[in-house]
N, C-alpha and C. Protein backbone atom coordinates (compact mmCIF):
# COMPACT_ATOMS: atom_id res chain seq x y z
N MET A 1 -26.04 22.08 16.36
CA MET A 1 -27.04 22.25 15.37
C MET A 1 -26.69 22.04 14.11
N LEU A 2 -25.38 22.12 14.04
CA LEU A 2 -24.77 21.65 12.53
C LEU A 2 -24.64 20.42 11.94
N ILE A 3 -24.26 19.54 13.03
CA ILE A 3 -24.10 18.26 12.65
C ILE A 3 -25.56 17.29 12.72
N PRO A 4 -26.72 17.57 13.01
CA PRO A 4 -27.76 16.94 12.60
C PRO A 4 -28.22 17.45 11.06
N ILE A 5 -28.07 18.77 10.95
CA ILE A 5 -28.20 19.10 9.47
C ILE A 5 -27.33 18.44 8.14
N PHE A 6 -25.98 18.14 8.52
CA PHE A 6 -25.10 17.78 7.96
C PHE A 6 -25.62 16.31 7.82
N MET A 7 -25.92 15.60 8.86
CA MET A 7 -26.32 13.98 8.60
C MET A 7 -27.40 13.82 7.73
N THR A 8 -28.37 14.81 8.30
CA THR A 8 -29.37 14.59 7.19
C THR A 8 -29.26 14.88 5.87
N LEU A 9 -28.26 16.02 5.41
CA LEU A 9 -28.10 16.04 4.12
C LEU A 9 -27.27 15.19 3.45
N LEU A 10 -26.36 14.52 4.36
CA LEU A 10 -25.63 13.26 3.88
C LEU A 10 -26.61 12.25 3.64
N PHE A 11 -27.73 11.87 4.36
CA PHE A 11 -28.43 10.99 4.04
C PHE A 11 -29.32 10.96 3.09
N ILE A 12 -29.82 12.28 2.47
CA ILE A 12 -30.54 12.60 1.50
C ILE A 12 -29.86 12.49 0.11
N THR A 13 -28.30 12.69 0.31
CA THR A 13 -27.54 12.53 -0.66
C THR A 13 -27.07 11.11 -1.00
N THR A 14 -27.08 10.49 0.01
CA THR A 14 -26.91 8.99 -0.21
C THR A 14 -28.08 8.23 -1.17
N ILE A 15 -29.76 8.34 -0.47
CA ILE A 15 -30.66 8.03 -0.93
C ILE A 15 -30.81 8.29 -2.43
N ALA A 16 -30.40 9.78 -2.76
CA ALA A 16 -30.63 10.41 -3.94
C ALA A 16 -29.68 9.89 -4.96
N SER A 17 -28.65 9.68 -4.60
CA SER A 17 -27.78 9.09 -5.63
C SER A 17 -28.14 7.44 -5.89
N ILE A 18 -28.40 6.67 -4.76
CA ILE A 18 -28.77 5.29 -5.19
C ILE A 18 -29.97 5.43 -6.03
N PHE A 19 -30.98 6.35 -5.76
CA PHE A 19 -32.47 5.96 -6.45
C PHE A 19 -32.05 6.64 -8.03
N ILE A 20 -30.80 7.56 -8.10
CA ILE A 20 -30.67 8.19 -9.43
C ILE A 20 -29.91 6.97 -10.28
N TYR A 21 -28.85 6.23 -9.49
CA TYR A 21 -28.31 4.91 -10.11
C TYR A 21 -29.12 4.01 -10.31
N GLN A 22 -30.25 3.79 -9.89
CA GLN A 22 -31.47 2.52 -10.37
C GLN A 22 -32.02 3.21 -11.73
N ARG A 23 -32.43 4.54 -11.81
CA ARG A 23 -32.83 5.09 -13.13
C ARG A 23 -32.25 5.07 -14.12
N THR A 24 -30.91 5.31 -14.15
CA THR A 24 -30.09 5.38 -14.93
C THR A 24 -29.14 4.14 -14.87
N ASN A 25 -27.94 4.14 -15.58
CA ASN A 25 -27.06 3.02 -15.84
C ASN A 25 -25.91 3.81 -15.65
N GLN A 26 -25.41 4.96 -14.79
CA GLN A 26 -24.11 5.29 -14.95
C GLN A 26 -23.57 5.06 -13.37
N ASP A 27 -22.30 4.57 -13.47
CA ASP A 27 -21.63 4.12 -12.27
C ASP A 27 -21.23 5.20 -11.32
N ILE A 28 -21.03 6.26 -11.82
CA ILE A 28 -20.78 7.54 -10.81
C ILE A 28 -21.56 7.72 -9.72
N HIS A 29 -22.94 7.67 -10.01
CA HIS A 29 -23.98 7.57 -9.13
C HIS A 29 -24.04 6.04 -7.76
N LEU A 30 -23.57 5.23 -8.21
CA LEU A 30 -23.25 3.97 -7.60
C LEU A 30 -22.19 4.29 -6.64
N ILE A 31 -21.06 4.88 -7.26
CA ILE A 31 -19.71 5.01 -6.34
C ILE A 31 -19.97 6.26 -5.37
N LEU A 32 -20.89 7.15 -6.04
CA LEU A 32 -21.08 8.25 -4.92
C LEU A 32 -22.41 7.77 -3.66
N GLY A 33 -23.29 6.86 -4.00
CA GLY A 33 -23.72 6.29 -3.06
C GLY A 33 -23.10 5.57 -2.36
N ILE A 34 -22.24 4.59 -2.57
CA ILE A 34 -21.45 3.54 -1.75
C ILE A 34 -20.68 4.50 -0.74
N PHE A 35 -19.89 5.76 -1.59
CA PHE A 35 -19.10 6.67 -0.82
C PHE A 35 -19.61 7.33 0.51
N THR A 36 -20.91 7.88 0.21
CA THR A 36 -21.76 8.60 1.04
C THR A 36 -22.22 7.81 2.13
N ALA A 37 -22.66 6.59 1.82
CA ALA A 37 -23.06 5.44 2.63
C ALA A 37 -22.17 5.23 3.69
N SER A 38 -20.95 4.68 3.11
CA SER A 38 -19.92 4.52 4.06
C SER A 38 -19.27 5.51 4.85
N VAL A 39 -19.31 7.06 4.38
CA VAL A 39 -19.19 8.07 5.30
C VAL A 39 -20.32 8.47 6.45
N PHE A 40 -21.65 7.93 5.75
CA PHE A 40 -22.36 8.05 6.78
C PHE A 40 -22.47 7.42 8.20
N ILE A 41 -22.21 5.95 7.85
CA ILE A 41 -22.38 4.81 8.80
C ILE A 41 -21.03 5.30 10.00
N ILE A 42 -19.99 5.57 9.13
CA ILE A 42 -18.58 6.06 10.10
C ILE A 42 -18.95 7.19 11.11
N TRP A 43 -19.60 8.46 10.30
CA TRP A 43 -19.70 9.55 10.86
C TRP A 43 -20.83 9.17 12.15
N GLY A 44 -21.77 8.45 11.59
CA GLY A 44 -22.96 8.19 12.73
C GLY A 44 -22.61 7.19 13.90
N LEU A 45 -21.45 6.48 13.76
CA LEU A 45 -21.02 5.52 14.76
C LEU A 45 -20.00 6.24 15.63
N ALA A 46 -19.27 7.46 15.18
CA ALA A 46 -18.50 8.30 15.58
C ALA A 46 -19.18 9.36 16.84
N ILE A 47 -20.37 9.63 16.36
CA ILE A 47 -20.93 10.69 17.00
C ILE A 47 -22.05 10.02 18.12
N ALA A 48 -22.45 8.74 17.64
CA ALA A 48 -23.17 7.97 18.64
C ALA A 48 -22.80 7.93 20.31
N HIS A 49 -23.68 7.93 20.70
CA HIS A 49 -23.61 7.67 22.30
C HIS A 49 -23.11 6.32 22.61
N TRP A 50 -22.60 6.11 23.68
CA TRP A 50 -21.88 4.93 24.23
C TRP A 50 -22.98 3.95 24.31
N SER A 51 -24.17 4.23 24.75
CA SER A 51 -25.13 3.27 25.16
C SER A 51 -25.78 2.77 23.70
N ILE A 52 -25.47 3.34 22.90
CA ILE A 52 -26.25 2.98 21.40
C ILE A 52 -25.12 1.61 20.97
N HIS A 53 -23.61 2.31 21.26
CA HIS A 53 -22.76 1.12 20.91
C HIS A 53 -22.85 -0.15 21.70
N MET A 54 -23.40 -0.18 22.95
CA MET A 54 -23.44 -1.27 23.96
C MET A 54 -24.49 -2.26 23.40
N LEU A 55 -25.64 -1.47 23.05
CA LEU A 55 -26.89 -2.13 22.37
C LEU A 55 -26.63 -2.85 21.10
N ALA A 56 -25.93 -2.21 20.22
CA ALA A 56 -25.50 -2.70 19.09
C ALA A 56 -24.62 -4.09 19.29
N LEU A 57 -23.67 -3.86 20.21
CA LEU A 57 -22.72 -4.99 20.44
C LEU A 57 -23.49 -6.17 21.32
N LEU A 58 -24.44 -6.11 22.17
CA LEU A 58 -25.55 -6.84 22.75
C LEU A 58 -26.27 -7.63 21.51
N ALA A 59 -26.66 -7.11 20.57
CA ALA A 59 -27.56 -7.37 19.56
C ALA A 59 -26.53 -8.29 18.69
N LEU A 60 -25.30 -8.08 18.33
CA LEU A 60 -24.55 -8.79 17.56
C LEU A 60 -24.22 -10.02 18.30
N LEU A 61 -23.88 -10.00 19.74
CA LEU A 61 -23.71 -11.08 20.24
C LEU A 61 -25.10 -12.11 20.31
N CYS A 62 -26.18 -11.66 20.48
CA CYS A 62 -27.43 -12.44 20.73
C CYS A 62 -27.68 -13.05 19.50
N ILE A 63 -27.56 -12.42 18.30
CA ILE A 63 -27.82 -13.16 17.08
C ILE A 63 -27.31 -14.48 16.72
N ARG A 64 -27.86 -15.16 16.26
CA ARG A 64 -27.69 -16.59 16.03
C ARG A 64 -27.69 -16.81 14.33
N ILE A 65 -26.76 -16.66 13.45
CA ILE A 65 -26.76 -17.27 11.98
C ILE A 65 -26.51 -18.70 11.93
N PRO A 66 -27.71 -19.40 11.28
CA PRO A 66 -27.44 -20.78 10.82
C PRO A 66 -26.26 -21.04 10.10
N VAL A 67 -25.88 -20.27 9.11
CA VAL A 67 -24.84 -20.64 8.15
C VAL A 67 -23.64 -20.74 8.84
N PHE A 68 -23.38 -19.73 10.24
CA PHE A 68 -22.10 -20.23 10.88
C PHE A 68 -22.35 -21.05 11.97
N THR A 69 -23.22 -21.92 12.31
CA THR A 69 -23.01 -22.75 13.46
C THR A 69 -22.36 -23.90 12.98
N PRO A 70 -21.43 -24.36 13.89
CA PRO A 70 -20.60 -25.45 13.77
C PRO A 70 -21.83 -26.93 13.56
N LYS A 71 -21.15 -27.72 12.87
CA LYS A 71 -21.95 -29.02 12.42
C LYS A 71 -20.90 -30.16 12.73
N ALA A 72 -21.60 -30.99 13.42
CA ALA A 72 -20.50 -32.40 13.64
C ALA A 72 -20.56 -32.89 12.66
N VAL A 73 -19.08 -33.58 12.36
CA VAL A 73 -18.77 -34.30 11.12
C VAL A 73 -18.07 -35.52 11.43
N LYS A 74 -18.70 -36.72 11.03
CA LYS A 74 -18.25 -37.70 11.25
C LYS A 74 -16.74 -38.30 10.54
N ILE A 75 -15.51 -38.46 11.34
CA ILE A 75 -14.44 -38.90 10.47
C ILE A 75 -14.24 -40.20 10.45
N TYR A 76 -14.79 -41.03 11.36
CA TYR A 76 -14.43 -42.50 11.35
C TYR A 76 -16.00 -43.08 11.24
N ASN A 77 -16.05 -44.02 10.18
CA ASN A 77 -17.19 -45.10 10.31
C ASN A 77 -17.10 -46.29 10.96
N LYS A 78 -18.03 -46.55 12.14
CA LYS A 78 -17.85 -47.69 12.94
C LYS A 78 -19.21 -48.51 12.70
């Protein structure tokens, strides 16, 4: 019961600190937003079911990013 409440509060803190950073120009809110977002992602991956990890792995393996595709380069001109 406590873990979903903690995750919800962490998510609200992350969104609120990023929103406050965009409204003001203080760097502490940016650091707070980045830190809580990273804790949120790590904690979420730690408590996720193994099937979610497998789906994420399959999604990453199926994605083709055009920037990282190899291109043929001619070395010799004939």
